[in-house]
N, C-alpha and C. Protein backbone atom coordinates (compact mmCIF):
# COMPACT_ATOMS: atom_id res chain seq x y z
N MET A 1 0.89 -0.98 0.07
CA MET A 1 0.10 0.04 -0.03
C MET A 1 0.83 1.31 0.11
N GLU A 2 0.81 2.22 -0.92
CA GLU A 2 1.38 3.40 -0.90
C GLU A 2 0.37 4.54 0.01
N GLY A 3 1.35 5.23 0.67
CA GLY A 3 0.79 6.28 1.57
C GLY A 3 0.30 7.34 0.96
N LYS A 4 -0.78 7.91 1.72
CA LYS A 4 -1.24 9.23 1.28
C LYS A 4 -0.49 10.24 1.10
N ALA A 5 -0.45 11.21 0.49
CA ALA A 5 0.31 12.51 0.36
C ALA A 5 0.07 13.02 1.71
N ARG A 6 0.88 13.75 2.23
CA ARG A 6 1.04 14.38 3.56
C ARG A 6 1.23 15.67 3.30
N PRO A 7 0.53 16.69 4.12
CA PRO A 7 1.29 17.86 4.12
C PRO A 7 2.51 18.27 5.00
N GLU A 8 3.22 18.94 4.24
CA GLU A 8 4.73 19.36 4.71
C GLU A 8 4.23 19.88 6.24
N ALA A 9 5.34 19.64 7.41
CA ALA A 9 5.04 20.33 8.54
C ALA A 9 6.38 20.21 9.02
N THR A 10 6.56 21.43 9.92
CA THR A 10 7.66 21.63 11.08
C THR A 10 7.60 20.90 11.99
N ALA A 11 8.77 20.64 12.93
CA ALA A 11 8.76 19.93 14.20
C ALA A 11 8.17 20.85 15.22
N ASP A 12 8.16 22.45 15.15
CA ASP A 12 7.05 23.45 15.69
C ASP A 12 5.66 22.97 15.39
N GLN A 13 5.22 22.68 14.38
CA GLN A 13 3.93 22.45 14.27
C GLN A 13 3.58 21.23 14.60
N ALA A 14 4.47 20.15 14.47
CA ALA A 14 4.15 18.79 14.99
C ALA A 14 3.92 19.04 16.58
N LEU A 15 4.90 19.80 17.31
CA LEU A 15 4.84 19.76 18.52
C LEU A 15 3.44 20.52 18.98
N TYR A 16 2.93 21.81 18.47
CA TYR A 16 1.85 22.37 18.43
C TYR A 16 0.69 21.35 18.13
N GLU A 17 0.53 20.62 17.28
CA GLU A 17 -0.62 19.33 17.33
C GLU A 17 -0.64 18.58 18.41
N MET A 18 0.61 17.93 18.89
CA MET A 18 0.90 17.13 19.87
C MET A 18 0.11 17.97 21.27
N ASP A 19 0.66 19.18 21.56
CA ASP A 19 0.08 19.81 22.73
C ASP A 19 -1.35 20.01 22.50
N ARG A 20 -2.26 20.20 21.25
CA ARG A 20 -3.05 20.30 21.54
C ARG A 20 -4.10 19.00 21.82
N LEU A 21 -3.28 17.67 21.27
CA LEU A 21 -3.88 16.22 21.25
C LEU A 21 -3.82 15.95 22.86
N ILE A 22 -2.71 16.40 23.85
CA ILE A 22 -2.43 16.03 24.89
C ILE A 22 -3.60 16.76 25.91
N ALA A 23 -3.61 18.18 25.31
CA ALA A 23 -4.87 18.89 26.17
C ALA A 23 -6.17 18.20 26.05
N LEU A 24 -6.55 17.92 25.04
CA LEU A 24 -7.78 17.30 24.43
C LEU A 24 -7.77 16.18 25.23
N ALA A 25 -6.92 15.20 25.61
CA ALA A 25 -6.84 13.73 25.93
C ALA A 25 -7.18 13.90 27.39
N GLN A 26 -6.53 15.00 28.13
CA GLN A 26 -6.43 15.55 29.57
C GLN A 26 -7.97 15.51 29.66
N PHE A 27 -8.77 16.74 28.92
CA PHE A 27 -10.16 16.65 29.38
C PHE A 27 -10.99 15.28 29.02
N GLY A 28 -10.56 14.60 28.09
CA GLY A 28 -11.34 13.54 27.72
C GLY A 28 -11.20 12.66 28.81
N GLN A 29 -10.02 12.54 29.42
CA GLN A 29 -9.98 11.62 30.41
C GLN A 29 -10.77 11.92 31.58
N GLN A 30 -11.16 13.00 31.78
CA GLN A 30 -12.16 13.27 32.88
C GLN A 30 -13.39 12.85 32.50
N ASP A 31 -13.81 12.99 31.06
CA ASP A 31 -15.32 12.80 30.44
C ASP A 31 -15.59 11.20 30.67
N ILE A 32 -14.08 10.39 30.15
CA ILE A 32 -14.34 8.73 30.24
C ILE A 32 -14.44 8.32 31.77
N ALA A 33 -13.54 8.94 32.77
CA ALA A 33 -13.72 8.48 34.04
C ALA A 33 -14.79 8.75 34.76
N GLY A 34 -15.28 9.76 34.27
CA GLY A 34 -16.95 10.13 34.68
C GLY A 34 -17.77 9.19 34.34
N ARG A 35 -17.82 8.96 33.15
CA ARG A 35 -18.54 8.00 32.19
C ARG A 35 -18.48 6.58 33.32
N LEU A 36 -17.47 6.01 33.27
CA LEU A 36 -17.21 4.96 34.30
C LEU A 36 -17.32 5.08 35.79
N GLY A 37 -17.71 6.02 35.88
CA GLY A 37 -17.92 6.37 37.51
C GLY A 37 -16.74 6.60 38.50
N LEU A 38 -15.59 6.82 37.78
CA LEU A 38 -14.16 6.99 38.46
C LEU A 38 -13.77 8.28 38.27
N ASN A 39 -12.54 8.52 39.04
CA ASN A 39 -12.03 9.73 38.83
C ASN A 39 -10.84 9.59 37.97
N VAL A 40 -9.78 10.51 37.46
CA VAL A 40 -9.16 10.37 36.74
C VAL A 40 -7.66 9.56 37.33
N THR A 41 -7.60 9.75 38.35
CA THR A 41 -6.52 8.81 39.09
C THR A 41 -6.96 7.43 38.88
N ASP A 42 -8.15 7.10 39.51
CA ASP A 42 -8.67 5.78 39.27
C ASP A 42 -8.60 4.91 37.97
N LEU A 43 -9.04 5.86 37.01
CA LEU A 43 -8.83 5.32 35.46
C LEU A 43 -7.36 5.00 35.13
N THR A 44 -6.87 5.90 35.56
CA THR A 44 -5.30 5.75 35.22
C THR A 44 -4.83 4.69 35.87
N CYS A 45 -5.00 4.33 36.84
CA CYS A 45 -4.44 3.02 37.60
C CYS A 45 -5.18 1.58 37.14
N LEU A 46 -6.45 1.92 36.92
CA LEU A 46 -7.29 0.80 36.12
C LEU A 46 -6.43 0.42 34.79
N GLY A 47 -6.19 1.55 34.03
CA GLY A 47 -5.60 1.30 32.46
C GLY A 47 -4.30 0.49 32.93
N PHE A 48 -3.30 0.67 34.20
CA PHE A 48 -2.17 -0.02 34.48
C PHE A 48 -2.72 -1.65 34.47
N VAL A 49 -3.71 -1.82 35.49
CA VAL A 49 -4.02 -3.08 35.67
C VAL A 49 -4.72 -3.62 34.45
N ILE A 50 -5.36 -3.35 33.20
CA ILE A 50 -5.43 -3.64 32.29
C ILE A 50 -4.32 -4.12 31.48
N GLU A 51 -3.47 -2.86 31.28
CA GLU A 51 -1.97 -3.19 30.69
C GLU A 51 -1.58 -4.59 31.20
N ALA A 52 -1.15 -4.49 32.31
CA ALA A 52 -0.71 -6.11 32.96
C ALA A 52 -1.42 -7.38 32.54
N SER A 53 -3.11 -7.12 32.61
CA SER A 53 -3.55 -8.29 32.32
C SER A 53 -3.56 -8.85 31.05
N LEU A 54 -3.53 -7.74 30.01
CA LEU A 54 -3.22 -8.09 28.25
C LEU A 54 -2.02 -8.66 28.24
N ALA A 55 -1.05 -8.31 29.07
CA ALA A 55 0.68 -9.01 28.95
C ALA A 55 0.38 -9.86 29.70
N GLY A 56 -0.57 -10.57 30.44
CA GLY A 56 -0.45 -12.10 31.06
C GLY A 56 0.50 -11.74 32.54
N GLU A 57 0.74 -10.49 32.79
CA GLU A 57 1.45 -10.29 33.90
C GLU A 57 0.74 -10.32 35.61
N SER A 58 1.17 -10.63 36.48
CA SER A 58 0.32 -10.23 37.72
C SER A 58 1.01 -9.21 38.11
N LEU A 59 -0.03 -8.21 38.70
CA LEU A 59 0.30 -7.08 39.17
C LEU A 59 -0.07 -6.80 40.73
N GLY A 60 1.08 -6.34 41.57
CA GLY A 60 0.69 -6.23 42.99
C GLY A 60 0.01 -4.90 43.38
N ALA A 61 -0.46 -4.65 44.33
CA ALA A 61 -0.75 -3.54 44.95
C ALA A 61 0.39 -2.63 45.06
N SER A 62 1.61 -2.88 45.72
CA SER A 62 2.82 -2.33 45.37
C SER A 62 3.40 -1.91 44.15
N ASP A 63 3.06 -2.78 43.16
CA ASP A 63 3.65 -2.57 41.66
C ASP A 63 2.68 -1.63 41.03
N LEU A 64 1.41 -1.41 41.58
CA LEU A 64 0.60 -0.33 40.95
C LEU A 64 1.08 0.95 41.38
N ALA A 65 1.32 0.94 43.00
CA ALA A 65 1.64 1.86 43.40
C ALA A 65 3.03 2.83 42.75
N ALA A 66 3.92 1.98 42.24
CA ALA A 66 5.06 2.18 41.77
C ALA A 66 4.91 2.99 40.50
N ARG A 67 4.06 2.10 39.49
CA ARG A 67 3.49 2.41 38.21
C ARG A 67 3.07 3.90 38.11
N ALA A 68 2.03 4.22 39.27
CA ALA A 68 1.22 5.34 39.09
C ALA A 68 2.07 6.41 39.78
N ARG A 69 3.10 6.00 40.53
CA ARG A 69 3.84 6.91 41.31
C ARG A 69 2.98 7.50 42.66
N LEU A 70 2.17 6.81 42.98
CA LEU A 70 1.34 7.19 44.07
C LEU A 70 1.97 6.20 45.70
N SER A 71 1.63 6.81 46.64
CA SER A 71 2.13 5.99 47.98
C SER A 71 1.01 4.72 48.04
N THR A 72 1.62 3.94 48.98
CA THR A 72 0.97 2.45 49.07
C THR A 72 -0.60 2.92 49.75
N GLY A 73 -0.54 3.94 50.46
CA GLY A 73 -1.60 4.19 51.09
C GLY A 73 -2.79 4.98 50.05
N ALA A 74 -2.19 5.59 49.04
CA ALA A 74 -3.25 6.18 48.30
C ALA A 74 -3.42 5.04 47.17
N VAL A 75 -3.08 4.20 46.90
CA VAL A 75 -3.24 2.95 45.97
C VAL A 75 -4.47 2.05 46.88
N THR A 76 -4.45 2.41 47.99
CA THR A 76 -5.15 1.19 48.86
C THR A 76 -6.62 2.36 48.45
N GLY A 77 -6.55 3.30 48.73
CA GLY A 77 -8.05 4.21 48.31
C GLY A 77 -8.55 3.94 46.87
N VAL A 78 -7.46 3.84 45.89
CA VAL A 78 -7.71 3.87 44.43
C VAL A 78 -8.32 2.00 44.49
N LEU A 79 -7.66 1.37 45.17
CA LEU A 79 -8.04 -0.19 44.79
C LEU A 79 -9.70 -0.36 45.60
N ASN A 80 -9.44 0.16 46.85
CA ASN A 80 -11.25 0.29 47.43
C ASN A 80 -12.14 0.91 46.48
N ARG A 81 -12.08 1.93 45.50
CA ARG A 81 -12.90 2.30 44.76
C ARG A 81 -13.11 1.42 43.73
N LEU A 82 -12.11 0.88 42.88
CA LEU A 82 -11.99 0.07 41.99
C LEU A 82 -13.14 -1.10 42.14
N GLU A 83 -12.57 -1.62 43.39
CA GLU A 83 -13.17 -2.96 43.70
C GLU A 83 -14.59 -2.47 44.03
N LYS A 84 -14.93 -1.64 44.62
CA LYS A 84 -16.41 -1.14 44.95
C LYS A 84 -17.18 -1.20 43.82
N ALA A 85 -16.27 -0.65 42.48
CA ALA A 85 -17.01 -0.37 41.29
C ALA A 85 -17.05 -1.68 40.57
N ARG A 86 -16.58 -2.58 41.13
CA ARG A 86 -16.45 -3.91 40.59
C ARG A 86 -15.75 -4.00 39.09
N PHE A 87 -14.55 -3.25 39.01
CA PHE A 87 -13.51 -3.22 37.74
C PHE A 87 -12.51 -4.08 38.54
N ILE A 88 -12.14 -4.24 39.47
CA ILE A 88 -11.23 -5.33 40.00
C ILE A 88 -11.41 -6.06 41.25
N ARG A 89 -10.76 -7.03 41.55
CA ARG A 89 -10.69 -7.70 42.72
C ARG A 89 -9.33 -8.00 43.21
N ARG A 90 -9.04 -8.13 44.73
CA ARG A 90 -8.10 -8.19 45.18
C ARG A 90 -8.02 -9.80 45.57
N GLU A 91 -6.69 -10.23 45.15
CA GLU A 91 -6.61 -11.77 45.85
C GLU A 91 -5.09 -11.88 46.63
N SER A 92 -5.23 -12.42 47.63
CA SER A 92 -4.21 -12.66 48.72
C SER A 92 -3.27 -13.54 47.85
N ASP A 93 -1.93 -13.27 48.16
CA ASP A 93 -0.84 -14.11 48.05
C ASP A 93 -0.46 -15.21 48.64
N LEU A 94 -0.69 -16.55 48.12
CA LEU A 94 -0.59 -17.38 49.02
C LEU A 94 0.78 -17.79 49.30
N THR A 95 1.72 -17.68 48.74
CA THR A 95 3.11 -17.50 49.41
C THR A 95 3.47 -16.17 50.19
N ASP A 96 2.99 -15.22 50.18
CA ASP A 96 3.63 -14.16 50.94
C ASP A 96 2.10 -13.52 51.53
N ARG A 97 2.03 -13.53 52.58
CA ARG A 97 0.56 -13.01 53.08
C ARG A 97 0.41 -11.45 53.17
N ARG A 98 1.63 -10.91 53.14
CA ARG A 98 1.54 -9.10 52.96
C ARG A 98 1.23 -8.76 51.74
N ARG A 99 1.66 -9.65 50.67
CA ARG A 99 1.09 -9.25 49.02
C ARG A 99 -0.38 -9.49 48.48
N VAL A 100 -0.57 -8.71 47.93
CA VAL A 100 -2.13 -8.79 47.47
C VAL A 100 -1.95 -8.27 45.69
N TRP A 101 -2.45 -9.30 44.95
CA TRP A 101 -2.45 -9.28 43.75
C TRP A 101 -3.92 -8.58 43.20
N VAL A 102 -3.78 -7.67 42.24
CA VAL A 102 -4.88 -6.88 41.81
C VAL A 102 -5.28 -7.77 40.25
N VAL A 103 -6.51 -8.11 40.51
CA VAL A 103 -6.94 -8.76 39.31
C VAL A 103 -8.15 -8.17 38.67
N MET A 104 -8.30 -8.14 37.33
CA MET A 104 -9.44 -7.47 36.57
C MET A 104 -10.86 -8.44 36.92
N ASP A 105 -11.60 -7.67 37.34
CA ASP A 105 -13.05 -8.48 37.49
C ASP A 105 -13.74 -9.00 36.06
N GLU A 106 -14.59 -9.92 36.01
CA GLU A 106 -14.83 -10.66 34.58
C GLU A 106 -15.86 -9.58 33.88
N SER A 107 -16.40 -8.73 34.80
CA SER A 107 -17.38 -7.76 33.78
C SER A 107 -16.78 -6.35 33.62
N ALA A 108 -15.70 -6.26 33.66
CA ALA A 108 -15.17 -5.02 33.61
C ALA A 108 -14.61 -4.78 32.30
N GLN A 109 -14.29 -5.60 31.49
CA GLN A 109 -13.71 -5.25 30.17
C GLN A 109 -14.95 -4.97 29.21
N ALA A 110 -16.04 -5.72 29.41
CA ALA A 110 -17.37 -5.20 28.49
C ALA A 110 -17.53 -3.59 28.75
N ARG A 111 -17.44 -3.04 29.99
CA ARG A 111 -18.20 -1.98 30.58
C ARG A 111 -17.12 -0.93 30.01
N ILE A 112 -15.81 -1.02 30.18
CA ILE A 112 -14.74 -0.66 29.53
C ILE A 112 -14.89 -0.25 28.03
N LEU A 113 -14.89 -1.43 27.29
CA LEU A 113 -14.80 -1.19 25.84
C LEU A 113 -15.90 -0.54 25.39
N GLU A 114 -17.37 -0.49 26.19
CA GLU A 114 -18.55 0.24 25.87
C GLU A 114 -18.04 1.72 25.76
N VAL A 115 -17.02 2.30 26.61
CA VAL A 115 -16.97 3.61 26.60
C VAL A 115 -15.40 3.79 25.36
N TYR A 116 -14.65 3.18 25.63
CA TYR A 116 -13.51 3.38 24.87
C TYR A 116 -13.63 2.67 23.50
N GLY A 117 -14.45 1.75 23.23
CA GLY A 117 -14.44 1.06 21.97
C GLY A 117 -14.64 1.87 20.65
N PRO A 118 -15.61 3.17 20.67
CA PRO A 118 -15.61 3.68 19.52
C PRO A 118 -14.63 4.81 19.18
N PHE A 119 -13.97 5.21 20.33
CA PHE A 119 -12.48 5.99 20.36
C PHE A 119 -11.55 5.22 19.55
N TYR A 120 -11.26 3.88 20.01
CA TYR A 120 -10.21 2.89 19.61
C TYR A 120 -10.83 2.69 17.81
N GLU A 121 -11.80 2.47 17.76
CA GLU A 121 -12.28 2.12 16.10
C GLU A 121 -11.83 3.18 15.50
N ARG A 122 -12.13 4.49 15.71
CA ARG A 122 -11.61 5.73 14.97
C ARG A 122 -10.34 5.81 14.90
N LEU A 123 -9.52 5.36 15.84
CA LEU A 123 -8.32 5.31 15.83
C LEU A 123 -7.60 4.15 14.88
N ARG A 124 -8.27 3.07 14.86
CA ARG A 124 -8.01 2.17 13.63
C ARG A 124 -8.05 2.48 12.54
N LEU A 125 -9.20 3.05 12.13
CA LEU A 125 -9.76 3.73 10.87
C LEU A 125 -8.40 4.60 10.28
N LEU A 126 -8.21 5.72 11.16
CA LEU A 126 -6.99 6.56 11.01
C LEU A 126 -5.83 5.72 10.67
N PHE A 127 -5.36 4.70 11.62
CA PHE A 127 -4.16 4.12 11.01
C PHE A 127 -4.34 3.32 9.83
N ALA A 128 -5.32 3.28 9.40
CA ALA A 128 -5.50 2.47 8.20
C ALA A 128 -5.27 3.31 6.91
N ASP A 129 -5.02 4.36 7.15
CA ASP A 129 -4.65 5.61 6.23
C ASP A 129 -3.04 5.76 6.02
N PHE A 130 -2.60 4.71 6.82
CA PHE A 130 -0.91 5.04 6.60
C PHE A 130 -0.52 3.40 6.43
N THR A 131 0.79 3.76 5.79
CA THR A 131 1.68 2.46 5.41
C THR A 131 2.23 1.80 6.87
N ARG A 132 2.36 0.45 6.67
CA ARG A 132 3.09 -0.20 7.56
C ARG A 132 4.15 0.66 8.23
N ASP A 133 5.19 0.86 7.05
CA ASP A 133 6.22 1.91 7.59
C ASP A 133 5.91 3.05 8.15
N GLU A 134 4.83 3.79 7.71
CA GLU A 134 4.53 4.95 8.40
C GLU A 134 3.91 4.68 9.83
N VAL A 135 3.21 3.77 10.07
CA VAL A 135 2.66 3.12 11.18
C VAL A 135 3.98 2.88 12.39
N ALA A 136 5.00 2.16 11.71
CA ALA A 136 6.19 1.97 12.42
C ALA A 136 6.84 3.17 12.83
N VAL A 137 6.94 4.25 12.24
CA VAL A 137 7.35 5.16 12.35
C VAL A 137 6.55 6.13 13.69
N LEU A 138 5.29 6.02 13.51
CA LEU A 138 4.56 6.52 14.66
C LEU A 138 4.76 5.75 15.77
N ALA A 139 4.86 4.39 15.85
CA ALA A 139 4.81 3.72 16.87
C ALA A 139 6.18 3.97 17.89
N ASP A 140 7.49 4.16 16.96
CA ASP A 140 8.55 4.46 17.39
C ASP A 140 8.45 5.71 18.12
N TRP A 141 8.07 6.84 17.33
CA TRP A 141 7.84 8.14 18.00
C TRP A 141 7.12 7.99 19.19
N PHE A 142 6.04 7.61 19.58
CA PHE A 142 5.11 7.36 20.27
C PHE A 142 6.09 7.00 21.75
N SER A 143 6.71 5.79 21.42
CA SER A 143 7.42 5.18 22.33
C SER A 143 8.90 5.96 23.12
N ARG A 144 9.27 6.57 21.88
CA ARG A 144 10.76 7.39 22.61
C ARG A 144 10.04 8.67 22.71
N ALA A 145 8.82 9.17 22.47
CA ALA A 145 8.41 10.54 23.17
C ALA A 145 7.90 10.15 24.67
N ARG A 146 7.25 9.21 24.79
CA ARG A 146 6.90 8.46 26.08
C ARG A 146 8.24 8.66 27.14
N THR A 147 9.14 7.68 26.83
CA THR A 147 10.57 8.00 27.33
C THR A 147 10.99 9.52 27.57
N ALA A 148 11.03 10.19 26.52
CA ALA A 148 11.68 11.71 27.02
C ALA A 148 10.44 12.13 27.98
N MET A 149 9.26 11.99 27.80
CA MET A 149 8.33 12.58 29.00
C MET A 149 8.63 12.02 30.20
N GLN A 150 8.88 10.99 30.27
CA GLN A 150 9.15 10.21 31.79
C GLN A 150 10.43 10.81 32.45
N GLU A 151 11.65 11.05 31.49
CA GLU A 151 12.62 11.55 31.77
C GLU A 151 12.34 13.04 32.49
N SER A 152 11.70 13.92 31.68
CA SER A 152 11.50 15.43 32.03
C SER A 152 10.84 15.11 33.55
N LEU A 153 9.37 14.22 33.26
CA LEU A 153 8.88 14.00 34.60
C LEU A 153 9.77 13.77 35.98
N ASP A 154 10.43 12.96 35.88
CA ASP A 154 11.58 12.70 36.73
C ASP A 154 12.51 13.67 37.06
N ASP A 155 12.95 14.55 35.93
CA ASP A 155 13.50 15.74 36.72
C ASP A 155 12.78 16.72 37.20
N LEU A 156 11.54 16.91 36.95
CA LEU A 156 10.58 17.78 37.54
C LEU A 156 10.46 17.29 39.20
N ARG A 157 10.24 16.20 39.18
CA ARG A 157 10.05 15.72 40.55
C ARG A 157 11.53 15.79 41.68
N ASP A 158 12.42 15.41 40.90
CA ASP A 158 13.73 15.39 41.54
C ASP A 158 13.83 16.82 41.87
N ALA A 159 13.68 17.69 41.01
CA ALA A 159 13.92 19.18 41.61
C ALA A 159 13.03 19.77 42.55
N ALA A 160 11.63 19.00 42.55
CA ALA A 160 10.91 19.39 43.50
C ALA A 160 11.26 18.91 44.81
N ARG A 161 11.64 17.71 44.81
CA ARG A 161 12.14 17.22 46.21
C ARG A 161 13.23 17.65 46.64
N ALA A 162 14.32 18.17 45.75
CA ALA A 162 15.33 19.03 46.21
C ALA A 162 15.02 20.28 46.74
N GLU A 163 13.93 20.72 46.40
CA GLU A 163 13.47 22.42 46.60
C GLU A 163 13.04 21.90 48.04
N GLY A 164 11.86 20.98 48.27
CA GLY A 164 11.36 21.00 49.69
C GLY A 164 12.37 20.41 50.34
N ALA A 165 13.36 19.63 50.22
CA ALA A 165 14.35 19.49 51.16
C ALA A 165 15.38 20.65 51.71
N ALA A 166 15.50 21.55 50.89
CA ALA A 166 16.08 22.76 51.01
C ALA A 166 15.38 23.66 51.92
N ARG A 167 14.06 23.76 51.66
CA ARG A 167 12.99 24.66 52.44
C ARG A 167 13.19 23.83 53.85
N ALA A 168 13.18 22.56 54.03
CA ALA A 168 12.74 21.94 55.09
C ALA A 168 14.25 22.38 56.12
N GLU A 169 15.50 22.52 55.48
CA GLU A 169 16.64 22.92 56.29
C GLU A 169 16.44 24.11 56.54
N GLY A 170 15.92 25.19 56.14
CA GLY A 170 15.51 26.31 56.44
C GLY A 170 16.71 27.36 55.80
N PRO A 171 16.84 28.52 56.06
CA PRO A 171 17.87 29.59 55.35
C PRO A 171 19.42 29.09 56.14
N SER A 172 20.39 29.18 55.27
CA SER A 172 21.30 28.89 55.72
C SER A 172 21.96 30.29 56.42
N PRO A 173 23.10 29.88 57.32
CA PRO A 173 23.55 31.20 58.22
C PRO A 173 24.18 32.12 57.22
N ALA A 174 23.85 33.52 57.38
CA ALA A 174 24.95 34.30 56.75
C ALA A 174 26.24 34.37 56.95
N ARG A 175 27.13 34.54 55.84
CA ARG A 175 28.44 34.30 55.94
C ARG A 175 29.01 35.93 55.97
N ASP A 176 29.89 36.19 56.86
CA ASP A 176 30.85 37.42 57.01
C ASP A 176 32.15 37.42 55.91
C-alpha cells in the first residue's frame, strides 16, 4: 500500500498539534472517567491493571503504586474504589501474606470497551490511512516520546524534592 500525500510540517507545527492532542486527552480522560464512575487517577490505575492483564502479568498493589507514582496508602484508596465499582478484585498471595494481587473483574472489560470502543475504532480507521512503515515510525515516535516525557517528569519530581528538602533545612546562616 502506498501512503497518502501528507502536508509538509515543521517540528514546531508537530509539537503544537501534539500539545493540542494532549490537552484534549486530559479533558477526555475526565469525561471517560466520569462515564465509568471513576476519577482520573482511578482510571489511570485501571489502565495499568488492564495493561498488565493483557500482557499476562500479575500486578501487585505495590507494583501499581510504583507505576502510578502513588503512595501505597493512596493506592489502597484507589483499589477500594475500583473494587467497589467492580472493576477489580484483590487476591491474597498464597506464599506471601503481605502481598495482594490486583485482578480484573470479569465484567470490567465489557464496561470499559463500551466507553473506549468507539474511540479505538476511530483510531484503527485513522491508522488504516498509513502504510506499515508509516505506522512503524509513529509507534517508534510515541515510544521514544513517552521515554522523553518520563525523563522530564523524573527531572521535575527530583527538582521538587530537592527544593522541598532545601526549604525544610531552612535558611543557611549568613556568612561574613
